[in-house]
Amino acid sequence: MIDTAGIREAIDEIEKIGVNRSISSIKDADIIIAMFDNSSTFSVEDRDILDILDKNRDKNIIVVVNKIDLDRKFDIDRLSDFDYIRISVKDNYSPLIENLKRILDNIASCDELMLVSHRQIRGWSKCKECNIEFKNSTYSMKRLEIFSYHLQRMQLKFLKFKYPKPFKF
C-alpha cells in the first residue's frame, strides 16, 4: 500500500517530483483509493484526479468522500460516473474497510502469498536468500552444527518477516 502525495498543481520542484511519483504509482497499483474532501469545493485538482481514474478503469477503484461529519461544500454530482462511498474517517470508516476486504478477497481468491509492502518483500527476499544459502551448504555439509546454523538462521529471518516488532506511535 502506497500513501501518495496529493495530486495537485505543484509550484516547487520537490513538490512536482512528489506529484509525478503519485501519478506513476497508479500504473503499478492493484487498488486505487481516491479520497475527496466533503468540506471543500470541487477543484481543478479534483477534476484531474477524476480524469486519472477514468483512464484507469481497468483497476479496482474506490472513490471516497471523506469528512461527511462537516458541512458539505463538495459537488457530489461530479462523481456520478463512479460508485462512491461517504465516510468520516474520524467517526466511521468501516464502509472503506468493507470495500477493501471485498476487493482483496477477489484479488486473492486462491491460496497464493500476497506481499503488500516493501517491508514484506524485503523480508521474504531475505528468507529466500537464507534458503538458497542453506540449500547450497547442504551439498558440502559434513557436520551437523553447520546444518543447524543455516536452518536456524533461515528460521529467524522468517520469524522477523512474519512477526515484526509492533509499531510504536
Protein backbone atom coordinates (compact mmCIF):
# COMPACT_ATOMS: atom_id res chain seq x y z
CA MET A 1 0.00 0.00 0.00
CA ILE A 2 1.40 3.34 -1.01
CA ASP A 3 0.09 6.53 0.51
CA THR A 4 0.97 9.10 -2.11
CA ALA A 5 1.23 12.84 -2.04
CA GLY A 6 -1.83 14.66 -3.27
CA ILE A 7 -2.23 15.21 -6.99
CA ARG A 8 -2.31 18.95 -7.48
CA GLU A 9 -0.64 21.80 -9.34
CA ALA A 10 2.88 21.90 -7.90
CA ILE A 11 4.85 25.08 -7.55
CA ASP A 12 8.31 23.99 -6.40
CA GLU A 13 10.45 21.25 -7.91
CA ILE A 14 10.32 18.89 -4.91
CA GLU A 15 6.53 19.02 -4.82
CA LYS A 16 6.42 18.32 -8.59
CA ILE A 17 8.53 15.20 -8.03
CA GLY A 18 6.08 14.01 -5.34
CA VAL A 19 3.08 14.59 -7.60
CA ASN A 20 4.78 12.80 -10.53
CA ARG A 21 5.58 9.84 -8.26
CA SER A 22 1.93 9.72 -7.19
CA ILE A 23 0.77 9.61 -10.79
CA SER A 24 3.33 6.96 -11.79
CA SER A 25 2.49 4.77 -8.77
CA ILE A 26 -1.08 4.50 -10.06
CA LYS A 27 0.25 2.48 -13.01
CA ASP A 28 1.52 -0.21 -10.63
CA ALA A 29 -1.47 -0.17 -8.30
CA ASP A 30 -3.96 -3.01 -7.99
CA ILE A 31 -6.33 -0.85 -5.95
CA ILE A 32 -6.74 2.90 -6.14
CA ILE A 33 -8.41 4.80 -3.32
CA ALA A 34 -9.30 8.35 -4.36
CA MET A 35 -10.30 10.47 -1.42
CA PHE A 36 -12.27 13.70 -1.84
CA ASP A 37 -12.90 16.25 0.89
CA ASN A 38 -16.62 16.83 1.53
CA SER A 39 -15.86 20.13 3.29
CA SER A 40 -14.02 21.64 0.29
CA THR A 41 -15.38 22.84 -3.02
CA PHE A 42 -14.72 20.78 -6.17
CA SER A 43 -11.37 21.92 -7.59
CA VAL A 44 -9.28 21.63 -10.74
CA GLU A 45 -7.17 19.07 -8.88
CA ASP A 46 -10.30 17.02 -8.16
CA ARG A 47 -11.13 17.12 -11.89
CA ASP A 48 -7.57 15.94 -12.69
CA ILE A 49 -7.95 13.04 -10.27
CA LEU A 50 -11.24 12.02 -11.89
CA ASP A 51 -9.55 12.12 -15.31
CA ILE A 52 -6.80 9.83 -13.99
CA LEU A 53 -9.40 7.47 -12.54
CA ASP A 54 -11.27 7.45 -15.82
CA LYS A 55 -8.10 6.38 -17.65
CA ASN A 56 -7.56 3.56 -15.14
CA ARG A 57 -10.96 1.89 -15.13
CA ASP A 58 -9.25 -1.48 -15.51
CA LYS A 59 -8.06 -1.11 -11.90
CA ASN A 60 -10.02 -1.62 -8.70
CA ILE A 61 -11.12 1.89 -7.77
CA ILE A 62 -12.68 3.04 -4.53
CA VAL A 63 -13.91 6.63 -4.60
CA VAL A 64 -14.33 8.05 -1.11
CA VAL A 65 -15.97 11.25 0.01
CA ASN A 66 -14.46 11.92 3.41
CA LYS A 67 -15.38 14.34 6.21
CA ILE A 68 -19.13 13.86 5.89
CA ASP A 69 -19.40 15.00 9.50
CA LEU A 70 -18.63 18.54 8.28
CA ASP A 71 -20.78 20.90 6.22
CA ARG A 72 -20.87 19.82 2.58
CA LYS A 73 -19.26 22.11 0.02
CA PHE A 74 -18.19 19.37 -2.38
CA ASP A 75 -20.29 18.94 -5.56
CA ILE A 76 -21.10 15.24 -5.24
CA ASP A 77 -22.74 15.22 -8.69
CA ARG A 78 -19.24 15.39 -10.19
CA LEU A 79 -18.73 11.79 -9.07
CA SER A 80 -21.75 10.48 -10.98
CA ASP A 81 -19.56 8.33 -13.28
CA PHE A 82 -18.24 6.39 -10.29
CA ASP A 83 -19.63 4.41 -7.41
CA TYR A 84 -18.56 6.17 -4.25
CA ILE A 85 -18.82 5.80 -0.54
CA ARG A 86 -19.32 8.55 2.03
CA ILE A 87 -17.42 8.29 5.29
CA SER A 88 -15.94 10.19 8.15
CA VAL A 89 -12.53 8.74 8.93
CA LYS A 90 -12.85 10.44 12.29
CA ASP A 91 -16.10 8.62 13.17
CA ASN A 92 -16.65 5.56 10.98
CA TYR A 93 -14.55 4.27 8.12
CA SER A 94 -15.99 0.73 8.07
CA PRO A 95 -17.51 1.16 4.56
CA LEU A 96 -13.98 1.72 3.24
CA ILE A 97 -12.69 -1.35 5.06
CA GLU A 98 -15.56 -3.46 3.73
CA ASN A 99 -14.84 -2.33 0.16
CA LEU A 100 -11.16 -3.17 0.58
CA LYS A 101 -11.98 -6.61 2.00
CA ARG A 102 -14.29 -7.35 -0.92
CA ILE A 103 -11.65 -6.35 -3.47
CA LEU A 104 -8.84 -8.20 -1.70
CA ASP A 105 -10.97 -11.33 -1.45
CA ASN A 106 -11.48 -11.20 -5.21
CA ILE A 107 -7.83 -10.50 -5.98
CA ALA A 108 -6.51 -13.24 -3.69
CA SER A 109 -9.15 -15.84 -4.36
CA CYS A 110 -6.63 -18.67 -4.41
CA ASP A 111 -4.08 -19.80 -1.83
CA GLU A 112 -1.30 -17.56 -3.03
CA LEU A 113 1.02 -15.40 -0.99
CA MET A 114 0.34 -11.69 -1.35
CA LEU A 115 3.08 -9.28 -0.33
CA VAL A 116 1.72 -5.78 0.08
CA SER A 117 4.58 -3.71 1.43
CA HIS A 118 8.24 -3.08 0.75
CA ARG A 119 8.99 -4.47 4.22
CA GLN A 120 7.28 -7.75 3.37
CA ILE A 121 9.04 -8.03 0.02
CA ARG A 122 12.44 -7.32 1.64
CA GLY A 123 11.70 -9.80 4.42
CA TRP A 124 10.65 -12.51 2.02
CA SER A 125 13.76 -11.86 -0.11
CA LYS A 126 15.98 -12.32 2.96
CA CYS A 127 14.21 -15.59 3.77
CA LYS A 128 14.75 -16.71 0.21
CA GLU A 129 18.47 -15.81 0.33
CA CYS A 130 18.88 -17.81 3.55
CA ASN A 131 17.07 -20.73 1.95
CA ILE A 132 19.43 -20.65 -1.04
CA GLU A 133 22.47 -20.49 1.28
CA PHE A 134 21.04 -23.40 3.25
CA LYS A 135 20.44 -25.48 0.13
CA ASN A 136 23.90 -24.71 -1.25
CA SER A 137 25.59 -25.58 2.02
CA THR A 138 23.83 -28.96 2.35
CA TYR A 139 25.78 -30.30 -0.61
CA SER A 140 29.10 -29.87 1.11
CA MET A 141 27.99 -30.30 4.73
CA LYS A 142 29.72 -32.87 6.79
CA ARG A 143 28.88 -31.54 10.20
CA LEU A 144 25.51 -31.26 11.90
CA GLU A 145 26.38 -27.90 13.54
CA ILE A 146 26.72 -26.15 10.17
CA PHE A 147 23.41 -27.61 9.07
CA SER A 148 21.77 -26.44 12.28
CA TYR A 149 23.27 -22.94 11.93
CA HIS A 150 21.84 -22.41 8.44
CA LEU A 151 18.47 -23.82 9.37
CA GLN A 152 18.25 -21.62 12.47
CA ARG A 153 19.31 -18.52 10.52
CA MET A 154 16.61 -19.15 7.92
CA GLN A 155 14.01 -19.63 10.66
CA LEU A 156 14.97 -16.34 12.40
CA LYS A 157 14.68 -14.41 9.13
CA PHE A 158 11.25 -15.91 8.55
CA LEU A 159 10.06 -15.07 12.07
CA LYS A 160 11.25 -11.46 11.73
CA PHE A 161 9.34 -11.25 8.47
CA LYS A 162 6.18 -12.90 9.79
CA TYR A 163 6.11 -11.27 13.24
CA PRO A 164 7.69 -7.80 13.03
CA LYS A 165 8.13 -5.61 16.09
CA PRO A 166 4.92 -3.81 16.96
CA PHE A 167 4.63 -0.29 15.58
CA LYS A 168 5.01 2.40 18.24
CA PHE A 169 3.35 5.79 17.94
